[in-house]
């Protein structure tokens, strides 16, 4: 094999290896992106669930406060028991 032919062959082999590595790297990046997207979606779902639970607890405290108001409890006592502010308890009377 001549030196020139050997050089050309080695350059072509190098290009093949380089192209193969670049393709593998791109596939790995895409897999990583998809994994990241899935993790993000799961975190979003969990945050949504937690927000929903918190909203449910808030609504439950308001309903408890409203029932206590209807039974004639003092608004300061209701605020203390439900952890609502007196302004929030007062706002319930306007419903």
PDB file of N, CA and C in Angstrom:
ATOM      1  N   UNK A   1       0.850  -1.165   0.000  1.00  0.00           N
ATOM      2  CA  UNK A   1       0.000   0.000   0.000  1.00  0.00           C
ATOM      3  C   UNK A   1       0.906   1.242   0.000  1.00  0.00           C
ATOM      4  N   UNK A   2       0.573   2.187  -0.796  1.00  0.00           N
ATOM      5  CA  UNK A   2       1.391   3.387  -0.871  1.00  0.00           C
ATOM      6  C   UNK A   2       1.094   4.276   0.310  1.00  0.00           C
ATOM      7  N   UNK A   3       2.000   5.191   0.582  1.00  0.00           N
ATOM      8  CA  UNK A   3       1.830   6.110   1.719  1.00  0.00           C
ATOM      9  C   UNK A   3       0.583   6.966   1.533  1.00  0.00           C
ATOM     10  N   UNK A   4       0.380   7.440   0.299  1.00  0.00           N
ATOM     11  CA  UNK A   4      -0.773   8.287   0.034  1.00  0.00           C
ATOM     12  C   UNK A   4      -2.073   7.514   0.244  1.00  0.00           C
ATOM     13  N   UNK A   5      -2.128   6.287  -0.237  1.00  0.00           N
ATOM     14  CA  UNK A   5      -3.332   5.463  -0.091  1.00  0.00           C
ATOM     15  C   UNK A   5      -3.571   5.130   1.386  1.00  0.00           C
ATOM     16  N   UNK A   6      -2.512   4.862   2.132  1.00  0.00           N
ATOM     17  CA  UNK A   6      -2.634   4.595   3.567  1.00  0.00           C
ATOM     18  C   UNK A   6      -3.137   5.818   4.319  1.00  0.00           C
ATOM     19  N   UNK A   7      -2.642   6.985   3.925  1.00  0.00           N
ATOM     20  CA  UNK A   7      -3.076   8.236   4.547  1.00  0.00           C
ATOM     21  C   UNK A   7      -4.561   8.462   4.285  1.00  0.00           C
ATOM     22  N   UNK A   8      -4.985   8.310   3.045  1.00  0.00           N
ATOM     23  CA  UNK A   8      -6.384   8.513   2.674  1.00  0.00           C
ATOM     24  C   UNK A   8      -7.265   7.536   3.433  1.00  0.00           C
ATOM     25  N   UNK A   9      -6.843   6.294   3.524  1.00  0.00           N
ATOM     26  CA  UNK A   9      -7.608   5.283   4.248  1.00  0.00           C
ATOM     27  C   UNK A   9      -7.740   5.664   5.716  1.00  0.00           C
ATOM     28  N   UNK A  10      -6.648   6.120   6.332  1.00  0.00           N
ATOM     29  CA  UNK A  10      -6.705   6.484   7.753  1.00  0.00           C
ATOM     30  C   UNK A  10      -7.580   7.712   7.975  1.00  0.00           C
ATOM     31  N   UNK A  11      -7.564   8.654   7.047  1.00  0.00           N
ATOM     32  CA  UNK A  11      -8.424   9.836   7.162  1.00  0.00           C
ATOM     33  C   UNK A  11      -9.898   9.418   7.060  1.00  0.00           C
ATOM     34  N   UNK A  12     -10.189   8.533   6.134  1.00  0.00           N
ATOM     35  CA  UNK A  12     -11.565   8.055   5.985  1.00  0.00           C
ATOM     36  C   UNK A  12     -12.026   7.288   7.229  1.00  0.00           C
ATOM     37  N   UNK A  13     -11.150   6.460   7.775  1.00  0.00           N
ATOM     38  CA  UNK A  13     -11.488   5.723   8.997  1.00  0.00           C
ATOM     39  C   UNK A  13     -11.722   6.688  10.156  1.00  0.00           C
ATOM     40  N   UNK A  14     -10.872   7.710  10.238  1.00  0.00           N
ATOM     41  CA  UNK A  14     -11.021   8.723  11.282  1.00  0.00           C
ATOM     42  C   UNK A  14     -12.384   9.411  11.144  1.00  0.00           C
ATOM     43  N   UNK A  15     -12.728   9.802   9.921  1.00  0.00           N
ATOM     44  CA  UNK A  15     -14.013  10.460   9.686  1.00  0.00           C
ATOM     45  C   UNK A  15     -15.180   9.556  10.085  1.00  0.00           C
ATOM     46  N   UNK A  16     -15.070   8.251   9.775  1.00  0.00           N
ATOM     47  CA  UNK A  16     -16.119   7.300  10.152  1.00  0.00           C
ATOM     48  C   UNK A  16     -16.274   7.221  11.666  1.00  0.00           C
ATOM     49  N   UNK A  17     -15.166   7.126  12.376  1.00  0.00           N
ATOM     50  CA  UNK A  17     -15.200   7.040  13.835  1.00  0.00           C
ATOM     51  C   UNK A  17     -15.768   8.334  14.422  1.00  0.00           C
ATOM     52  N   UNK A  18     -15.309   9.462  13.901  1.00  0.00           N
ATOM     53  CA  UNK A  18     -15.782  10.764  14.387  1.00  0.00           C
ATOM     54  C   UNK A  18     -17.291  10.892  14.176  1.00  0.00           C
ATOM     55  N   UNK A  19     -17.778  10.533  12.996  1.00  0.00           N
ATOM     56  CA  UNK A  19     -19.207  10.612  12.694  1.00  0.00           C
ATOM     57  C   UNK A  19     -20.013   9.691  13.610  1.00  0.00           C
ATOM     58  N   UNK A  20     -19.474   8.507  13.848  1.00  0.00           N
ATOM     59  CA  UNK A  20     -20.144   7.551  14.725  1.00  0.00           C
ATOM     60  C   UNK A  20     -20.254   8.109  16.145  1.00  0.00           C
ATOM     61  N   UNK A  21     -19.182   8.701  16.643  1.00  0.00           N
ATOM     62  CA  UNK A  21     -19.203   9.279  17.991  1.00  0.00           C
ATOM     63  C   UNK A  21     -20.169  10.448  18.081  1.00  0.00           C
ATOM     64  N   UNK A  22     -20.205  11.281  17.050  1.00  0.00           N
ATOM     65  CA  UNK A  22     -21.126  12.413  17.048  1.00  0.00           C
ATOM     66  C   UNK A  22     -22.581  11.942  17.058  1.00  0.00           C
ATOM     67  N   UNK A  23     -22.867  10.884  16.294  1.00  0.00           N
ATOM     68  CA  UNK A  23     -24.231  10.339  16.281  1.00  0.00           C
ATOM     69  C   UNK A  23     -24.606   9.786  17.655  1.00  0.00           C
ATOM     70  N   UNK A  24     -23.688   9.055  18.277  1.00  0.00           N
ATOM     71  CA  UNK A  24     -23.958   8.491  19.608  1.00  0.00           C
ATOM     72  C   UNK A  24     -24.168   9.599  20.625  1.00  0.00           C
ATOM     73  N   UNK A  25     -23.373  10.650  20.523  1.00  0.00           N
ATOM     74  CA  UNK A  25     -23.498  11.767  21.456  1.00  0.00           C
ATOM     75  C   UNK A  25     -24.863  12.428  21.292  1.00  0.00           C
ATOM     76  N   UNK A  26     -25.305  12.619  20.048  1.00  0.00           N
ATOM     77  CA  UNK A  26     -26.601  13.248  19.802  1.00  0.00           C
ATOM     78  C   UNK A  26     -27.740  12.373  20.318  1.00  0.00           C
ATOM     79  N   UNK A  27     -27.641  11.067  20.125  1.00  0.00           N
ATOM     80  CA  UNK A  27     -28.655  10.146  20.647  1.00  0.00           C
ATOM     81  C   UNK A  27     -28.692  10.248  22.168  1.00  0.00           C
ATOM     82  N   UNK A  28     -27.523  10.293  22.799  1.00  0.00           N
ATOM     83  CA  UNK A  28     -27.453  10.418  24.256  1.00  0.00           C
ATOM     84  C   UNK A  28     -28.063  11.719  24.740  1.00  0.00           C
ATOM     85  N   UNK A  29     -27.811  12.803  24.002  1.00  0.00           N
ATOM     86  CA  UNK A  29     -28.393  14.094  24.377  1.00  0.00           C
ATOM     87  C   UNK A  29     -29.917  14.032  24.314  1.00  0.00           C
ATOM     88  N   UNK A  30     -30.428  13.455  23.243  1.00  0.00           N
ATOM     89  CA  UNK A  30     -31.880  13.377  23.092  1.00  0.00           C
ATOM     90  C   UNK A  30     -32.488  12.515  24.194  1.00  0.00           C
ATOM     91  N   UNK A  31     -31.841  11.410  24.542  1.00  0.00           N
ATOM     92  CA  UNK A  31     -32.337  10.575  25.640  1.00  0.00           C
ATOM     93  C   UNK A  31     -32.310  11.365  26.946  1.00  0.00           C
ATOM     94  N   UNK A  32     -31.244  12.135  27.145  1.00  0.00           N
ATOM     95  CA  UNK A  32     -31.146  12.954  28.352  1.00  0.00           C
ATOM     96  C   UNK A  32     -32.226  14.024  28.402  1.00  0.00           C
ATOM     97  N   UNK A  33     -32.487  14.633  27.246  1.00  0.00           N
ATOM     98  CA  UNK A  33     -33.545  15.651  27.195  1.00  0.00           C
ATOM     99  C   UNK A  33     -34.898  15.040  27.543  1.00  0.00           C
ATOM    100  N   UNK A  34     -35.182  13.880  26.968  1.00  0.00           N
ATOM    101  CA  UNK A  34     -36.466  13.231  27.232  1.00  0.00           C
ATOM    102  C   UNK A  34     -36.586  12.847  28.708  1.00  0.00           C
ATOM    103  N   UNK A  35     -35.495  12.352  29.271  1.00  0.00           N
ATOM    104  CA  UNK A  35     -35.500  12.004  30.697  1.00  0.00           C
ATOM    105  C   UNK A  35     -35.747  13.256  31.535  1.00  0.00           C
ATOM    106  N   UNK A  36     -35.113  14.359  31.163  1.00  0.00           N
ATOM    107  CA  UNK A  36     -35.316  15.614  31.884  1.00  0.00           C
ATOM    108  C   UNK A  36     -36.742  16.111  31.769  1.00  0.00           C
ATOM    109  N   UNK A  37     -37.311  15.980  30.572  1.00  0.00           N
ATOM    110  CA  UNK A  37     -38.707  16.397  30.388  1.00  0.00           C
ATOM    111  C   UNK A  37     -39.637  15.583  31.280  1.00  0.00           C
ATOM    112  N   UNK A  38     -39.405  14.274  31.330  1.00  0.00           N
ATOM    113  CA  UNK A  38     -40.253  13.403  32.153  1.00  0.00           C
ATOM    114  C   UNK A  38     -40.126  13.764  33.631  1.00  0.00           C
ATOM    115  N   UNK A  39     -38.895  14.016  34.078  1.00  0.00           N
ATOM    116  CA  UNK A  39     -38.701  14.421  35.477  1.00  0.00           C
ATOM    117  C   UNK A  39     -39.422  15.734  35.747  1.00  0.00           C
ATOM    118  N   UNK A  40     -39.346  16.669  34.795  1.00  0.00           N
ATOM    119  CA  UNK A  40     -40.035  17.955  34.954  1.00  0.00           C
ATOM    120  C   UNK A  40     -41.544  17.792  35.031  1.00  0.00           C
ATOM    121  N   UNK A  41     -42.074  16.916  34.176  1.00  0.00           N
ATOM    122  CA  UNK A  41     -43.521  16.679  34.219  1.00  0.00           C
ATOM    123  C   UNK A  41     -43.933  16.087  35.562  1.00  0.00           C
ATOM    124  N   UNK A  42     -43.150  15.143  36.069  1.00  0.00           N
ATOM    125  CA  UNK A  42     -43.477  14.510  37.356  1.00  0.00           C
ATOM    126  C   UNK A  42     -43.403  15.534  38.484  1.00  0.00           C
ATOM    127  N   UNK A  43     -42.379  16.383  38.462  1.00  0.00           N
ATOM    128  CA  UNK A  43     -42.281  17.426  39.490  1.00  0.00           C
ATOM    129  C   UNK A  43     -43.479  18.368  39.405  1.00  0.00           C
ATOM    130  N   UNK A  44     -43.886  18.707  38.181  1.00  0.00           N
ATOM    131  CA  UNK A  44     -45.052  19.575  38.002  1.00  0.00           C
ATOM    132  C   UNK A  44     -46.321  18.938  38.537  1.00  0.00           C
ATOM    133  N   UNK A  45     -46.478  17.649  38.273  1.00  0.00           N
ATOM    134  CA  UNK A  45     -47.663  16.944  38.791  1.00  0.00           C
ATOM    135  C   UNK A  45     -47.669  16.972  40.317  1.00  0.00           C
ATOM    136  N   UNK A  46     -46.516  16.702  40.913  1.00  0.00           N
ATOM    137  CA  UNK A  46     -46.434  16.677  42.376  1.00  0.00           C
ATOM    138  C   UNK A  46     -46.724  18.056  42.958  1.00  0.00           C
ATOM    139  N   UNK A  47     -46.180  19.110  42.328  1.00  0.00           N
ATOM    140  CA  UNK A  47     -46.467  20.470  42.799  1.00  0.00           C
ATOM    141  C   UNK A  47     -47.954  20.766  42.687  1.00  0.00           C
ATOM    142  N   UNK A  48     -48.569  20.325  41.591  1.00  0.00           N
ATOM    143  CA  UNK A  48     -50.003  20.532  41.410  1.00  0.00           C
ATOM    144  C   UNK A  48     -50.824  19.816  42.466  1.00  0.00           C
ATOM    145  N   UNK A  49     -50.414  18.593  42.778  1.00  0.00           N
ATOM    146  CA  UNK A  49     -51.128  17.842  43.825  1.00  0.00           C
ATOM    147  C   UNK A  49     -51.014  18.565  45.163  1.00  0.00           C
ATOM    148  N   UNK A  50     -49.810  19.026  45.479  1.00  0.00           N
ATOM    149  CA  UNK A  50     -49.595  19.714  46.760  1.00  0.00           C
ATOM    150  C   UNK A  50     -50.411  21.006  46.816  1.00  0.00           C
ATOM    151  N   UNK A  51     -50.435  21.757  45.713  1.00  0.00           N
ATOM    152  CA  UNK A  51     -51.253  22.974  45.682  1.00  0.00           C
ATOM    153  C   UNK A  51     -52.725  22.636  45.881  1.00  0.00           C
ATOM    154  N   UNK A  52     -53.178  21.575  45.258  1.00  0.00           N
ATOM    155  CA  UNK A  52     -54.570  21.154  45.410  1.00  0.00           C
ATOM    156  C   UNK A  52     -54.889  20.766  46.841  1.00  0.00           C
ATOM    157  N   UNK A  53     -53.963  20.049  47.472  1.00  0.00           N
ATOM    158  CA  UNK A  53     -54.180  19.664  48.880  1.00  0.00           C
ATOM    159  C   UNK A  53     -54.247  20.915  49.763  1.00  0.00           C
ATOM    160  N   UNK A  54     -53.353  21.858  49.514  1.00  0.00           N
ATOM    161  CA  UNK A  54     -53.341  23.085  50.313  1.00  0.00           C
ATOM    162  C   UNK A  54     -54.632  23.876  50.106  1.00  0.00           C
ATOM    163  N   UNK A  55     -55.094  23.967  48.865  1.00  0.00           N
ATOM    164  CA  UNK A  55     -56.352  24.663  48.605  1.00  0.00           C
ATOM    165  C   UNK A  55     -57.505  23.959  49.312  1.00  0.00           C
ATOM    166  N   UNK A  56     -57.476  22.652  49.329  1.00  0.00           N
ATOM    167  CA  UNK A  56     -58.511  21.888  50.028  1.00  0.00           C
ATOM    168  C   UNK A  56     -58.496  22.166  51.525  1.00  0.00           C
ATOM    169  N   UNK A  57     -57.298  22.236  52.106  1.00  0.00           N
ATOM    170  CA  UNK A  57     -57.203  22.538  53.543  1.00  0.00           C
ATOM    171  C   UNK A  57     -57.725  23.944  53.839  1.00  0.00           C
ATOM    172  N   UNK A  58     -57.388  24.898  52.956  1.00  0.00           N
ATOM    173  CA  UNK A  58     -57.871  26.274  53.136  1.00  0.00           C
ATOM    174  C   UNK A  58     -59.397  26.319  53.075  1.00  0.00           C
ATOM    175  N   UNK A  59     -59.952  25.638  52.091  1.00  0.00           N
ATOM    176  CA  UNK A  59     -61.407  25.623  51.951  1.00  0.00           C
ATOM    177  C   UNK A  59     -62.067  24.957  53.164  1.00  0.00           C
ATOM    178  N   UNK A  60     -61.451  23.905  53.677  1.00  0.00           N
ATOM    179  CA  UNK A  60     -61.990  23.231  54.856  1.00  0.00           C
ATOM    180  C   UNK A  60     -61.985  24.170  56.070  1.00  0.00           C
ATOM    181  N   UNK A  61     -60.898  24.951  56.226  1.00  0.00           N
ATOM    182  CA  UNK A  61     -60.846  25.912  57.347  1.00  0.00           C
ATOM    183  C   UNK A  61     -61.928  26.975  57.196  1.00  0.00           C
ATOM    184  N   UNK A  62     -62.148  27.428  55.960  1.00  0.00           N
ATOM    185  CA  UNK A  62     -63.196  28.435  55.742  1.00  0.00           C
ATOM    186  C   UNK A  62     -64.583  27.873  56.060  1.00  0.00           C
ATOM    187  N   UNK A  63     -64.824  26.643  55.634  1.00  0.00           N
ATOM    188  CA  UNK A  63     -66.123  26.026  55.915  1.00  0.00           C
ATOM    189  C   UNK A  63     -66.324  25.838  57.420  1.00  0.00           C
ATOM    190  N   UNK A  64     -65.268  25.424  58.107  1.00  0.00           N
ATOM    191  CA  UNK A  64     -65.341  25.273  59.558  1.00  0.00           C
ATOM    192  C   UNK A  64     -65.645  26.626  60.201  1.00  0.00           C
ATOM    193  N   UNK A  65     -64.958  27.664  59.753  1.00  0.00           N
ATOM    194  CA  UNK A  65     -65.180  29.003  60.299  1.00  0.00           C
ATOM    195  C   UNK A  65     -66.610  29.464  60.036  1.00  0.00           C
ATOM    196  N   UNK A  66     -67.097  29.208  58.839  1.00  0.00           N
ATOM    197  CA  UNK A  66     -68.462  29.610  58.507  1.00  0.00           C
ATOM    198  C   UNK A  66     -69.476  28.889  59.390  1.00  0.00           C
ATOM    199  N   UNK A  67     -69.278  27.598  59.583  1.00  0.00           N
ATOM    200  CA  UNK A  67     -70.176  26.843  60.470  1.00  0.00           C
ATOM    201  C   UNK A  67     -70.114  27.376  61.892  1.00  0.00           C
ATOM    202  N   UNK A  68     -68.924  27.738  62.350  1.00  0.00           N
ATOM    203  CA  UNK A  68     -68.790  28.285  63.704  1.00  0.00           C
ATOM    204  C   UNK A  68     -69.490  29.638  63.808  1.00  0.00           C
ATOM    205  N   UNK A  69     -69.393  30.455  62.753  1.00  0.00           N
ATOM    206  CA  UNK A  69     -70.099  31.738  62.750  1.00  0.00           C
ATOM    207  C   UNK A  69     -71.607  31.522  62.844  1.00  0.00           C
ATOM    208  N   UNK A  70     -72.083  30.551  62.081  1.00  0.00           N
ATOM    209  CA  UNK A  70     -73.526  30.258  62.102  1.00  0.00           C
ATOM    210  C   UNK A  70     -73.985  29.771  63.466  1.00  0.00           C
ATOM    211  N   UNK A  71     -73.067  29.166  64.232  1.00  0.00           N
ATOM    212  CA  UNK A  71     -73.411  28.687  65.582  1.00  0.00           C
ATOM    213  C   UNK A  71     -73.215  29.768  66.631  1.00  0.00           C
ATOM    214  N   UNK A  72     -72.738  30.969  66.190  1.00  0.00           N
ATOM    215  CA  UNK A  72     -72.628  32.088  67.110  1.00  0.00           C
ATOM    216  C   UNK A  72     -71.283  32.231  67.806  1.00  0.00           C
ATOM    217  N   UNK A  73     -70.261  31.558  67.339  1.00  0.00           N
ATOM    218  CA  UNK A  73     -68.932  31.695  67.944  1.00  0.00           C
ATOM    219  C   UNK A  73     -68.384  33.095  67.694  1.00  0.00           C
ATOM    220  N   UNK A  74     -67.541  33.556  68.595  1.00  0.00           N
ATOM    221  CA  UNK A  74     -66.868  34.842  68.472  1.00  0.00           C
ATOM    222  C   UNK A  74     -65.827  34.773  67.345  1.00  0.00           C
ATOM    223  N   UNK A  75     -65.746  35.820  66.520  1.00  0.00           N
ATOM    224  CA  UNK A  75     -64.844  35.801  65.365  1.00  0.00           C
ATOM    225  C   UNK A  75     -63.379  35.699  65.777  1.00  0.00           C
ATOM    226  N   UNK A  76     -62.995  36.276  66.922  1.00  0.00           N
ATOM    227  CA  UNK A  76     -61.600  36.168  67.392  1.00  0.00           C
ATOM    228  C   UNK A  76     -61.286  34.714  67.747  1.00  0.00           C
ATOM    229  N   UNK A  77     -62.218  34.035  68.371  1.00  0.00           N
ATOM    230  CA  UNK A  77     -62.027  32.631  68.730  1.00  0.00           C
ATOM    231  C   UNK A  77     -61.956  31.763  67.468  1.00  0.00           C
ATOM    232  N   UNK A  78     -62.813  32.059  66.505  1.00  0.00           N
ATOM    233  CA  UNK A  78     -62.810  31.315  65.245  1.00  0.00           C
ATOM    234  C   UNK A  78     -61.459  31.486  64.544  1.00  0.00           C
ATOM    235  N   UNK A  79     -60.972  32.708  64.516  1.00  0.00           N
ATOM    236  CA  UNK A  79     -59.681  32.976  63.878  1.00  0.00           C
ATOM    237  C   UNK A  79     -58.575  32.184  64.569  1.00  0.00           C
ATOM    238  N   UNK A  80     -58.608  32.151  65.871  1.00  0.00           N
ATOM    239  CA  UNK A  80     -57.587  31.418  66.631  1.00  0.00           C
ATOM    240  C   UNK A  80     -57.646  29.912  66.341  1.00  0.00           C
ATOM    241  N   UNK A  81     -58.839  29.366  66.319  1.00  0.00           N
ATOM    242  CA  UNK A  81     -59.010  27.925  66.123  1.00  0.00           C
ATOM    243  C   UNK A  81     -58.668  27.508  64.690  1.00  0.00           C
ATOM    244  N   UNK A  82     -59.082  28.303  63.704  1.00  0.00           N
ATOM    245  CA  UNK A  82     -58.928  27.906  62.301  1.00  0.00           C
ATOM    246  C   UNK A  82     -57.624  28.400  61.663  1.00  0.00           C
ATOM    247  N   UNK A  83     -56.895  29.245  62.366  1.00  0.00           N
ATOM    248  CA  UNK A  83     -55.676  29.873  61.827  1.00  0.00           C
ATOM    249  C   UNK A  83     -55.971  30.813  60.668  1.00  0.00           C
ATOM    250  N   UNK A  84     -57.206  31.257  60.569  1.00  0.00           N
ATOM    251  CA  UNK A  84     -57.559  32.297  59.604  1.00  0.00           C
ATOM    252  C   UNK A  84     -57.391  33.639  60.291  1.00  0.00           C
ATOM    253  N   UNK A  85     -57.192  34.682  59.506  1.00  0.00           N
ATOM    254  CA  UNK A  85     -57.129  36.016  60.112  1.00  0.00           C
ATOM    255  C   UNK A  85     -58.561  36.463  60.433  1.00  0.00           C
ATOM    256  N   UNK A  86     -58.670  37.435  61.320  1.00  0.00           N
ATOM    257  CA  UNK A  86     -60.001  37.941  61.658  1.00  0.00           C
ATOM    258  C   UNK A  86     -60.649  38.573  60.442  1.00  0.00           C
ATOM    259  N   UNK A  87     -59.828  39.155  59.551  1.00  0.00           N
ATOM    260  CA  UNK A  87     -60.360  39.741  58.322  1.00  0.00           C
ATOM    261  C   UNK A  87     -60.971  38.652  57.428  1.00  0.00           C
ATOM    262  N   UNK A  88     -60.301  37.507  57.350  1.00  0.00           N
ATOM    263  CA  UNK A  88     -60.841  36.403  56.550  1.00  0.00           C
ATOM    264  C   UNK A  88     -62.150  35.896  57.146  1.00  0.00           C
ATOM    265  N   UNK A  89     -62.198  35.815  58.468  1.00  0.00           N
ATOM    266  CA  UNK A  89     -63.427  35.361  59.139  1.00  0.00           C
ATOM    267  C   UNK A  89     -64.538  36.374  58.896  1.00  0.00           C
ATOM    268  N   UNK A  90     -64.211  37.647  58.991  1.00  0.00           N
ATOM    269  CA  UNK A  90     -65.201  38.698  58.766  1.00  0.00           C
ATOM    270  C   UNK A  90     -65.708  38.639  57.327  1.00  0.00           C
ATOM    271  N   UNK A  91     -64.829  38.369  56.383  1.00  0.00           N
ATOM    272  CA  UNK A  91     -65.218  38.290  54.965  1.00  0.00           C
ATOM    273  C   UNK A  91     -66.223  37.158  54.740  1.00  0.00           C
ATOM    274  N   UNK A  92     -66.156  36.122  55.554  1.00  0.00           N
ATOM    275  CA  UNK A  92     -67.094  35.005  55.411  1.00  0.00           C
ATOM    276  C   UNK A  92     -68.524  35.431  55.734  1.00  0.00           C
ATOM    277  N   UNK A  93     -68.664  36.433  56.586  1.00  0.00           N
ATOM    278  CA  UNK A  93     -70.016  36.888  56.953  1.00  0.00           C
ATOM    279  C   UNK A  93     -70.680  37.605  55.787  1.00  0.00           C
ATOM    280  N   UNK A  94     -69.901  38.035  54.802  1.00  0.00           N
ATOM    281  CA  UNK A  94     -70.448  38.761  53.654  1.00  0.00           C
ATOM    282  C   UNK A  94     -70.855  37.815  52.520  1.00  0.00           C
ATOM    283  N   UNK A  95     -70.706  36.554  52.696  1.00  0.00           N
ATOM    284  CA  UNK A  95     -71.078  35.583  51.636  1.00  0.00           C
ATOM    285  C   UNK A  95     -72.547  35.506  51.473  1.00  0.00           C
TER     286      UNK A  95
END
